PDB file of N, CA and C in Angstrom:
ATOM      1  N   MET A   1       0.847  -1.164   0.000  1.00  0.00           N
ATOM      2  CA  MET A   1       0.000   0.000   0.000  1.00  0.00           C
ATOM      3  C   MET A   1       0.899   1.235   0.000  1.00  0.00           C
ATOM      4  N   ASP A   2       0.659   2.186  -0.906  1.00  0.00           N
ATOM      5  CA  ASP A   2       1.426   3.421  -0.974  1.00  0.00           C
ATOM      6  C   ASP A   2       0.767   4.493  -0.124  1.00  0.00           C
ATOM      7  N   GLN A   3       1.588   5.232   0.603  1.00  0.00           N
ATOM      8  CA  GLN A   3       1.124   6.370   1.395  1.00  0.00           C
ATOM      9  C   GLN A   3       2.048   7.543   1.120  1.00  0.00           C
ATOM     10  N   ILE A   4       1.484   8.713   1.057  1.00  0.00           N
ATOM     11  CA  ILE A   4       2.296   9.920   0.903  1.00  0.00           C
ATOM     12  C   ILE A   4       2.022  10.804   2.111  1.00  0.00           C
ATOM     13  N   THR A   5       3.085  11.233   2.782  1.00  0.00           N
ATOM     14  CA  THR A   5       2.958  12.106   3.939  1.00  0.00           C
ATOM     15  C   THR A   5       4.181  13.000   4.012  1.00  0.00           C
ATOM     16  N   THR A   6       4.134  14.000   4.842  1.00  0.00           N
ATOM     17  CA  THR A   6       5.305  14.829   5.076  1.00  0.00           C
ATOM     18  C   THR A   6       5.979  14.354   6.349  1.00  0.00           C
ATOM     19  N   ALA A   7       7.232  14.703   6.483  1.00  0.00           N
ATOM     20  CA  ALA A   7       7.993  14.322   7.671  1.00  0.00           C
ATOM     21  C   ALA A   7       8.964  15.443   7.994  1.00  0.00           C
ATOM     22  N   ILE A   8       9.392  15.465   9.226  1.00  0.00           N
ATOM     23  CA  ILE A   8      10.371  16.435   9.704  1.00  0.00           C
ATOM     24  C   ILE A   8      11.639  15.676  10.062  1.00  0.00           C
ATOM     25  N   TYR A   9      12.775  16.183   9.594  1.00  0.00           N
ATOM     26  CA  TYR A   9      14.063  15.574   9.917  1.00  0.00           C
ATOM     27  C   TYR A   9      14.675  16.328  11.084  1.00  0.00           C
ATOM     28  N   GLU A  10      14.833  15.649  12.229  1.00  0.00           N
ATOM     29  CA  GLU A  10      15.398  16.260  13.429  1.00  0.00           C
ATOM     30  C   GLU A  10      16.369  15.299  14.095  1.00  0.00           C
ATOM     31  N   ASN A  11      17.536  15.810  14.428  1.00  0.00           N
ATOM     32  CA  ASN A  11      18.527  15.021  15.166  1.00  0.00           C
ATOM     33  C   ASN A  11      18.779  13.655  14.526  1.00  0.00           C
ATOM     34  N   GLY A  12      18.844  13.620  13.224  1.00  0.00           N
ATOM     35  CA  GLY A  12      19.154  12.376  12.525  1.00  0.00           C
ATOM     36  C   GLY A  12      17.989  11.411  12.381  1.00  0.00           C
ATOM     37  N   ILE A  13      16.788  11.833  12.741  1.00  0.00           N
ATOM     38  CA  ILE A  13      15.616  10.958  12.670  1.00  0.00           C
ATOM     39  C   ILE A  13      14.543  11.611  11.812  1.00  0.00           C
ATOM     40  N   LEU A  14      13.959  10.831  10.919  1.00  0.00           N
ATOM     41  CA  LEU A  14      12.857  11.287  10.084  1.00  0.00           C
ATOM     42  C   LEU A  14      11.559  10.987  10.820  1.00  0.00           C
ATOM     43  N   ARG A  15      10.814  12.039  11.187  1.00  0.00           N
ATOM     44  CA  ARG A  15       9.594  11.878  11.977  1.00  0.00           C
ATOM     45  C   ARG A  15       8.389  12.226  11.115  1.00  0.00           C
ATOM     46  N   PRO A  16       7.511  11.256  10.801  1.00  0.00           N
ATOM     47  CA  PRO A  16       6.320  11.546  10.000  1.00  0.00           C
ATOM     48  C   PRO A  16       5.408  12.552  10.698  1.00  0.00           C
ATOM     49  N   ALA A  17       4.756  13.406   9.918  1.00  0.00           N
ATOM     50  CA  ALA A  17       3.859  14.422  10.479  1.00  0.00           C
ATOM     51  C   ALA A  17       2.550  13.808  10.968  1.00  0.00           C
ATOM     52  N   VAL A  18       2.202  12.631  10.504  1.00  0.00           N
ATOM     53  CA  VAL A  18       0.977  11.942  10.915  1.00  0.00           C
ATOM     54  C   VAL A  18       1.310  10.498  11.258  1.00  0.00           C
ATOM     55  N   THR A  19       0.410   9.850  11.965  1.00  0.00           N
ATOM     56  CA  THR A  19       0.592   8.433  12.264  1.00  0.00           C
ATOM     57  C   THR A  19       0.441   7.625  10.987  1.00  0.00           C
ATOM     58  N   LEU A  20       1.365   6.714  10.758  1.00  0.00           N
ATOM     59  CA  LEU A  20       1.326   5.895   9.542  1.00  0.00           C
ATOM     60  C   LEU A  20       0.535   4.610   9.788  1.00  0.00           C
ATOM     61  N   ASP A  21      -0.200   4.198   8.788  1.00  0.00           N
ATOM     62  CA  ASP A  21      -0.991   2.975   8.868  1.00  0.00           C
ATOM     63  C   ASP A  21      -0.098   1.804   8.465  1.00  0.00           C
ATOM     64  N   LEU A  22       0.802   1.431   9.396  1.00  0.00           N
ATOM     65  CA  LEU A  22       1.754   0.351   9.131  1.00  0.00           C
ATOM     66  C   LEU A  22       1.874  -0.530  10.363  1.00  0.00           C
ATOM     67  N   PRO A  23       2.032  -1.833  10.164  1.00  0.00           N
ATOM     68  CA  PRO A  23       2.306  -2.692  11.319  1.00  0.00           C
ATOM     69  C   PRO A  23       3.723  -2.403  11.842  1.00  0.00           C
ATOM     70  N   GLU A  24       3.921  -2.619  13.134  1.00  0.00           N
ATOM     71  CA  GLU A  24       5.238  -2.416  13.731  1.00  0.00           C
ATOM     72  C   GLU A  24       6.295  -3.221  12.989  1.00  0.00           C
ATOM     73  N   HIS A  25       7.470  -2.662  12.877  1.00  0.00           N
ATOM     74  CA  HIS A  25       8.645  -3.280  12.266  1.00  0.00           C
ATOM     75  C   HIS A  25       8.485  -3.507  10.763  1.00  0.00           C
ATOM     76  N   SER A  26       7.566  -2.772  10.143  1.00  0.00           N
ATOM     77  CA  SER A  26       7.414  -2.884   8.692  1.00  0.00           C
ATOM     78  C   SER A  26       8.636  -2.290   8.010  1.00  0.00           C
ATOM     79  N   GLU A  27       9.061  -2.928   6.956  1.00  0.00           N
ATOM     80  CA  GLU A  27      10.149  -2.382   6.155  1.00  0.00           C
ATOM     81  C   GLU A  27       9.510  -1.568   5.038  1.00  0.00           C
ATOM     82  N   VAL A  28       9.966  -0.342   4.856  1.00  0.00           N
ATOM     83  CA  VAL A  28       9.398   0.536   3.839  1.00  0.00           C
ATOM     84  C   VAL A  28      10.511   1.087   2.960  1.00  0.00           C
ATOM     85  N   GLU A  29      10.146   1.578   1.821  1.00  0.00           N
ATOM     86  CA  GLU A  29      11.071   2.262   0.928  1.00  0.00           C
ATOM     87  C   GLU A  29      10.722   3.748   0.972  1.00  0.00           C
ATOM     88  N   ILE A  30      11.720   4.568   1.150  1.00  0.00           N
ATOM     89  CA  ILE A  30      11.476   6.006   1.284  1.00  0.00           C
ATOM     90  C   ILE A  30      12.105   6.742   0.109  1.00  0.00           C
ATOM     91  N   THR A  31      11.325   7.619  -0.502  1.00  0.00           N
ATOM     92  CA  THR A  31      11.827   8.524  -1.516  1.00  0.00           C
ATOM     93  C   THR A  31      11.750   9.926  -0.936  1.00  0.00           C
ATOM     94  N   ILE A  32      12.859  10.639  -0.935  1.00  0.00           N
ATOM     95  CA  ILE A  32      12.914  11.967  -0.333  1.00  0.00           C
ATOM     96  C   ILE A  32      12.745  13.038  -1.407  1.00  0.00           C
ATOM     97  N   HIS A  33      11.746  13.910  -1.210  1.00  0.00           N
ATOM     98  CA  HIS A  33      11.541  15.083  -2.058  1.00  0.00           C
ATOM     99  C   HIS A  33      11.527  16.278  -1.121  1.00  0.00           C
ATOM    100  N   SER A  34      12.660  16.952  -1.001  1.00  0.00           N
ATOM    101  CA  SER A  34      12.730  18.090  -0.092  1.00  0.00           C
ATOM    102  C   SER A  34      12.063  19.293  -0.740  1.00  0.00           C
ATOM    103  N   ASN A  35      11.174  19.931   0.014  1.00  0.00           N
ATOM    104  CA  ASN A  35      10.536  21.124  -0.526  1.00  0.00           C
ATOM    105  C   ASN A  35      11.383  22.354  -0.278  1.00  0.00           C
ATOM    106  N   GLY A  36      12.500  22.202   0.430  1.00  0.00           N
ATOM    107  CA  GLY A  36      13.432  23.299   0.643  1.00  0.00           C
ATOM    108  C   GLY A  36      12.970  24.322   1.660  1.00  0.00           C
ATOM    109  N   ASP A  37      11.786  24.152   2.195  1.00  0.00           N
ATOM    110  CA  ASP A  37      11.270  25.118   3.155  1.00  0.00           C
ATOM    111  C   ASP A  37      11.598  24.685   4.581  1.00  0.00           C
ATOM    112  N   SER A  38      12.126  25.590   5.343  1.00  0.00           N
ATOM    113  CA  SER A  38      12.340  25.317   6.758  1.00  0.00           C
ATOM    114  C   SER A  38      11.046  25.640   7.498  1.00  0.00           C
ATOM    115  N   LEU A  39      10.987  25.244   8.734  1.00  0.00           N
ATOM    116  CA  LEU A  39       9.818  25.562   9.547  1.00  0.00           C
ATOM    117  C   LEU A  39       9.669  27.074   9.669  1.00  0.00           C
ATOM    118  N   ASP A  40      10.788  27.794   9.787  1.00  0.00           N
ATOM    119  CA  ASP A  40      10.738  29.260   9.855  1.00  0.00           C
ATOM    120  C   ASP A  40      10.096  29.845   8.605  1.00  0.00           C
ATOM    121  N   ASP A  41      10.438  29.288   7.424  1.00  0.00           N
ATOM    122  CA  ASP A  41       9.844  29.773   6.179  1.00  0.00           C
ATOM    123  C   ASP A  41       8.332  29.541   6.175  1.00  0.00           C
ATOM    124  N   LYS A  42       7.915  28.374   6.614  1.00  0.00           N
ATOM    125  CA  LYS A  42       6.485  28.054   6.627  1.00  0.00           C
ATOM    126  C   LYS A  42       5.730  28.967   7.591  1.00  0.00           C
ATOM    127  N   VAL A  43       6.298  29.188   8.769  1.00  0.00           N
ATOM    128  CA  VAL A  43       5.653  30.063   9.749  1.00  0.00           C
ATOM    129  C   VAL A  43       5.595  31.486   9.208  1.00  0.00           C
ATOM    130  N   GLY A  44       6.680  31.938   8.599  1.00  0.00           N
ATOM    131  CA  GLY A  44       6.707  33.279   8.015  1.00  0.00           C
ATOM    132  C   GLY A  44       5.634  33.465   6.961  1.00  0.00           C
ATOM    133  N   ARG A  45       5.482  32.478   6.081  1.00  0.00           N
ATOM    134  CA  ARG A  45       4.445  32.561   5.042  1.00  0.00           C
ATOM    135  C   ARG A  45       3.047  32.550   5.656  1.00  0.00           C
ATOM    136  N   ALA A  46       2.844  31.751   6.690  1.00  0.00           N
ATOM    137  CA  ALA A  46       1.534  31.697   7.348  1.00  0.00           C
ATOM    138  C   ALA A  46       1.210  33.038   8.003  1.00  0.00           C
ATOM    139  N   LEU A  47       2.189  33.662   8.645  1.00  0.00           N
ATOM    140  CA  LEU A  47       1.969  34.973   9.261  1.00  0.00           C
ATOM    141  C   LEU A  47       1.677  36.032   8.206  1.00  0.00           C
ATOM    142  N   GLU A  48       2.394  35.980   7.095  1.00  0.00           N
ATOM    143  CA  GLU A  48       2.140  36.927   6.006  1.00  0.00           C
ATOM    144  C   GLU A  48       0.736  36.732   5.441  1.00  0.00           C
ATOM    145  N   ALA A  49       0.336  35.485   5.240  1.00  0.00           N
ATOM    146  CA  ALA A  49      -0.987  35.192   4.679  1.00  0.00           C
ATOM    147  C   ALA A  49      -2.096  35.675   5.615  1.00  0.00           C
ATOM    148  N   ALA A  50      -1.833  35.636   6.927  1.00  0.00           N
ATOM    149  CA  ALA A  50      -2.833  36.076   7.903  1.00  0.00           C
ATOM    150  C   ALA A  50      -2.801  37.597   8.106  1.00  0.00           C
ATOM    151  N   GLY A  51      -1.880  38.266   7.408  1.00  0.00           N
ATOM    152  CA  GLY A  51      -1.769  39.718   7.547  1.00  0.00           C
ATOM    153  C   GLY A  51      -1.086  40.152   8.825  1.00  0.00           C
ATOM    154  N   LEU A  52      -0.345  39.251   9.458  1.00  0.00           N
ATOM    155  CA  LEU A  52       0.306  39.554  10.725  1.00  0.00           C
ATOM    156  C   LEU A  52       1.781  39.903  10.571  1.00  0.00           C
ATOM    157  N   SER A  53       2.274  39.881   9.335  1.00  0.00           N
ATOM    158  CA  SER A  53       3.676  40.176   9.094  1.00  0.00           C
ATOM    159  C   SER A  53       3.838  40.784   7.711  1.00  0.00           C
ATOM    160  N   THR A  54       4.871  41.577   7.559  1.00  0.00           N
ATOM    161  CA  THR A  54       5.180  42.169   6.257  1.00  0.00           C
ATOM    162  C   THR A  54       5.879  41.130   5.389  1.00  0.00           C
ATOM    163  N   PRO A  55       5.541  41.052   4.115  1.00  0.00           N
ATOM    164  CA  PRO A  55       6.247  40.100   3.240  1.00  0.00           C
ATOM    165  C   PRO A  55       7.753  40.318   3.294  1.00  0.00           C
ATOM    166  N   ARG A  56       8.510  39.239   3.301  1.00  0.00           N
ATOM    167  CA  ARG A  56       9.964  39.315   3.467  1.00  0.00           C
ATOM    168  C   ARG A  56      10.648  40.139   2.387  1.00  0.00           C
ATOM    169  N   GLN A  57      10.143  40.084   1.159  1.00  0.00           N
ATOM    170  CA  GLN A  57      10.818  40.828   0.100  1.00  0.00           C
ATOM    171  C   GLN A  57      10.691  42.341   0.278  1.00  0.00           C
ATOM    172  N   ILE A  58       9.722  42.811   1.084  1.00  0.00           N
ATOM    173  CA  ILE A  58       9.585  44.255   1.295  1.00  0.00           C
ATOM    174  C   ILE A  58      10.228  44.671   2.617  1.00  0.00           C
ATOM    175  N   ARG A  59      10.428  43.719   3.498  1.00  0.00           N
ATOM    176  CA  ARG A  59      10.963  44.015   4.820  1.00  0.00           C
ATOM    177  C   ARG A  59      12.417  44.449   4.699  1.00  0.00           C
ATOM    178  N   LYS A  60      12.674  45.708   4.926  1.00  0.00           N
ATOM    179  CA  LYS A  60      14.034  46.217   4.862  1.00  0.00           C
ATOM    180  C   LYS A  60      14.268  47.129   6.042  1.00  0.00           C
ATOM    181  N   SER A  61      15.511  47.261   6.403  1.00  0.00           N
ATOM    182  CA  SER A  61      15.855  48.143   7.505  1.00  0.00           C
ATOM    183  C   SER A  61      15.655  49.593   7.078  1.00  0.00           C
ATOM    184  N   PRO A  62      15.106  50.415   7.967  1.00  0.00           N
ATOM    185  CA  PRO A  62      14.900  51.816   7.617  1.00  0.00           C
ATOM    186  C   PRO A  62      16.205  52.614   7.563  1.00  0.00           C
ATOM    187  N   ILE A  63      17.316  52.018   8.066  1.00  0.00           N
ATOM    188  CA  ILE A  63      18.600  52.716   7.997  1.00  0.00           C
ATOM    189  C   ILE A  63      19.632  51.819   7.337  1.00  0.00           C
ATOM    190  N   SER A  64      20.658  52.442   6.788  1.00  0.00           N
ATOM    191  CA  SER A  64      21.709  51.680   6.102  1.00  0.00           C
ATOM    192  C   SER A  64      22.606  50.989   7.126  1.00  0.00           C
ATOM    193  N   ASP A  65      23.369  50.010   6.648  1.00  0.00           N
ATOM    194  CA  ASP A  65      24.315  49.319   7.525  1.00  0.00           C
ATOM    195  C   ASP A  65      25.367  50.290   8.055  1.00  0.00           C
ATOM    196  N   GLU A  66      25.776  51.254   7.204  1.00  0.00           N
ATOM    197  CA  GLU A  66      26.773  52.238   7.628  1.00  0.00           C
ATOM    198  C   GLU A  66      26.231  53.105   8.769  1.00  0.00           C
ATOM    199  N   ARG A  67      24.984  53.558   8.627  1.00  0.00           N
ATOM    200  CA  ARG A  67      24.371  54.392   9.667  1.00  0.00           C
ATOM    201  C   ARG A  67      24.188  53.589  10.949  1.00  0.00           C
ATOM    202  N   ARG A  68      23.813  52.318  10.814  1.00  0.00           N
ATOM    203  CA  ARG A  68      23.653  51.454  11.987  1.00  0.00           C
ATOM    204  C   ARG A  68      24.987  51.325  12.736  1.00  0.00           C
ATOM    205  N   ALA A  69      26.073  51.140  11.994  1.00  0.00           N
ATOM    206  CA  ALA A  69      27.402  51.034  12.614  1.00  0.00           C
ATOM    207  C   ALA A  69      27.785  52.348  13.288  1.00  0.00           C
ATOM    208  N   GLU A  70      27.483  53.477  12.644  1.00  0.00           N
ATOM    209  CA  GLU A  70      27.774  54.791  13.211  1.00  0.00           C
ATOM    210  C   GLU A  70      27.011  54.981  14.528  1.00  0.00           C
ATOM    211  N   LEU A  71      25.734  54.634  14.546  1.00  0.00           N
ATOM    212  CA  LEU A  71      24.935  54.754  15.766  1.00  0.00           C
ATOM    213  C   LEU A  71      25.453  53.834  16.862  1.00  0.00           C
ATOM    214  N   ALA A  72      25.886  52.651  16.491  1.00  0.00           N
ATOM    215  CA  ALA A  72      26.434  51.711  17.479  1.00  0.00           C
ATOM    216  C   ALA A  72      27.681  52.299  18.124  1.00  0.00           C
ATOM    217  N   ARG A  73      28.533  52.930  17.316  1.00  0.00           N
ATOM    218  CA  ARG A  73      29.738  53.567  17.870  1.00  0.00           C
ATOM    219  C   ARG A  73      29.358  54.737  18.778  1.00  0.00           C
ATOM    220  N   MET A  74      28.381  55.538  18.354  1.00  0.00           N
ATOM    221  CA  MET A  74      27.987  56.723  19.124  1.00  0.00           C
ATOM    222  C   MET A  74      27.387  56.357  20.476  1.00  0.00           C
ATOM    223  N   TYR A  75      26.595  55.301  20.517  1.00  0.00           N
ATOM    224  CA  TYR A  75      25.847  54.981  21.728  1.00  0.00           C
ATOM    225  C   TYR A  75      26.370  53.775  22.484  1.00  0.00           C
ATOM    226  N   SER A  76      27.510  53.248  22.068  1.00  0.00           N
ATOM    227  CA  SER A  76      28.041  52.099  22.791  1.00  0.00           C
ATOM    228  C   SER A  76      28.704  52.575  24.079  1.00  0.00           C
ATOM    229  N   SER A  77      28.811  51.662  25.013  1.00  0.00           N
ATOM    230  CA  SER A  77      29.377  51.998  26.316  1.00  0.00           C
ATOM    231  C   SER A  77      30.117  50.786  26.847  1.00  0.00           C
ATOM    232  N   ASN A  78      31.078  51.052  27.705  1.00  0.00           N
ATOM    233  CA  ASN A  78      31.789  49.946  28.351  1.00  0.00           C
ATOM    234  C   ASN A  78      31.015  49.404  29.539  1.00  0.00           C
ATOM    235  N   THR A  79      29.967  50.122  29.943  1.00  0.00           N
ATOM    236  CA  THR A  79      29.145  49.701  31.074  1.00  0.00           C
ATOM    237  C   THR A  79      28.052  48.760  30.589  1.00  0.00           C
ATOM    238  N   PRO A  80      27.915  47.589  31.203  1.00  0.00           N
ATOM    239  CA  PRO A  80      26.855  46.658  30.792  1.00  0.00           C
ATOM    240  C   PRO A  80      25.468  47.256  31.033  1.00  0.00           C
ATOM    241  N   LEU A  81      24.545  46.941  30.183  1.00  0.00           N
ATOM    242  CA  LEU A  81      23.178  47.438  30.296  1.00  0.00           C
ATOM    243  C   LEU A  81      22.570  47.073  31.650  1.00  0.00           C
ATOM    244  N   SER A  82      22.928  45.907  32.174  1.00  0.00           N
ATOM    245  CA  SER A  82      22.375  45.479  33.464  1.00  0.00           C
ATOM    246  C   SER A  82      22.731  46.471  34.575  1.00  0.00           C
ATOM    247  N   ASP A  83      23.902  47.115  34.494  1.00  0.00           N
ATOM    248  CA  ASP A  83      24.276  48.111  35.500  1.00  0.00           C
ATOM    249  C   ASP A  83      23.344  49.317  35.440  1.00  0.00           C
ATOM    250  N   TYR A  84      23.005  49.763  34.239  1.00  0.00           N
ATOM    251  CA  TYR A  84      22.073  50.880  34.089  1.00  0.00           C
ATOM    252  C   TYR A  84      20.690  50.523  34.643  1.00  0.00           C
ATOM    253  N   ILE A  85      20.269  49.300  34.422  1.00  0.00           N
ATOM    254  CA  ILE A  85      18.963  48.854  34.922  1.00  0.00           C
ATOM    255  C   ILE A  85      18.966  48.855  36.443  1.00  0.00           C
ATOM    256  N   ARG A  86      20.055  48.337  37.051  1.00  0.00           N
ATOM    257  CA  ARG A  86      20.155  48.326  38.511  1.00  0.00           C
ATOM    258  C   ARG A  86      20.128  49.748  39.069  1.00  0.00           C
ATOM    259  N   GLU A  87      20.877  50.660  38.438  1.00  0.00           N
ATOM    260  CA  GLU A  87      20.889  52.058  38.888  1.00  0.00           C
ATOM    261  C   GLU A  87      19.484  52.642  38.846  1.00  0.00           C
ATOM    262  N   ASP A  88      18.779  52.360  37.761  1.00  0.00           N
ATOM    263  CA  ASP A  88      17.411  52.882  37.622  1.00  0.00           C
ATOM    264  C   ASP A  88      16.511  52.319  38.708  1.00  0.00           C
ATOM    265  N   ARG A  89      16.631  51.041  38.997  1.00  0.00           N
ATOM    266  CA  ARG A  89      15.794  50.419  40.031  1.00  0.00           C
ATOM    267  C   ARG A  89      16.128  50.968  41.413  1.00  0.00           C
ATOM    268  N   ASP A  90      17.430  51.150  41.675  1.00  0.00           N
ATOM    269  CA  ASP A  90      17.841  51.659  42.987  1.00  0.00           C
ATOM    270  C   ASP A  90      17.363  53.093  43.215  1.00  0.00           C
ATOM    271  N   ALA A  91      17.226  53.853  42.126  1.00  0.00           N
ATOM    272  CA  ALA A  91      16.811  55.244  42.242  1.00  0.00           C
ATOM    273  C   ALA A  91      15.329  55.375  42.576  1.00  0.00           C
ATOM    274  N   ARG A  92      14.575  54.307  42.410  1.00  0.00           N
ATOM    275  CA  ARG A  92      13.118  54.386  42.659  1.00  0.00           C
ATOM    276  C   ARG A  92      12.793  54.278  44.094  1.00  0.00           C
TER     277      ARG A  92
END
């Protein structure tokens, strides 16, 4: 009997997405057709389809990489952010 299903490959194991109608210890032949989509890609497309996310091809940073680097230099500090948070909490 032929069955077609999807599966997820994790930690070296192919895990079918649904329960297979097979007796235990059945020997099967597997043909792999990778759709090339990761779970992140599928979730991203689902969010876009639901109108909850901007399509990836339009999603761009509002600033250039050069400007981002300039801002990082301007606002970077040798003091860890956690120290600033503690100071703010202690001041309350």
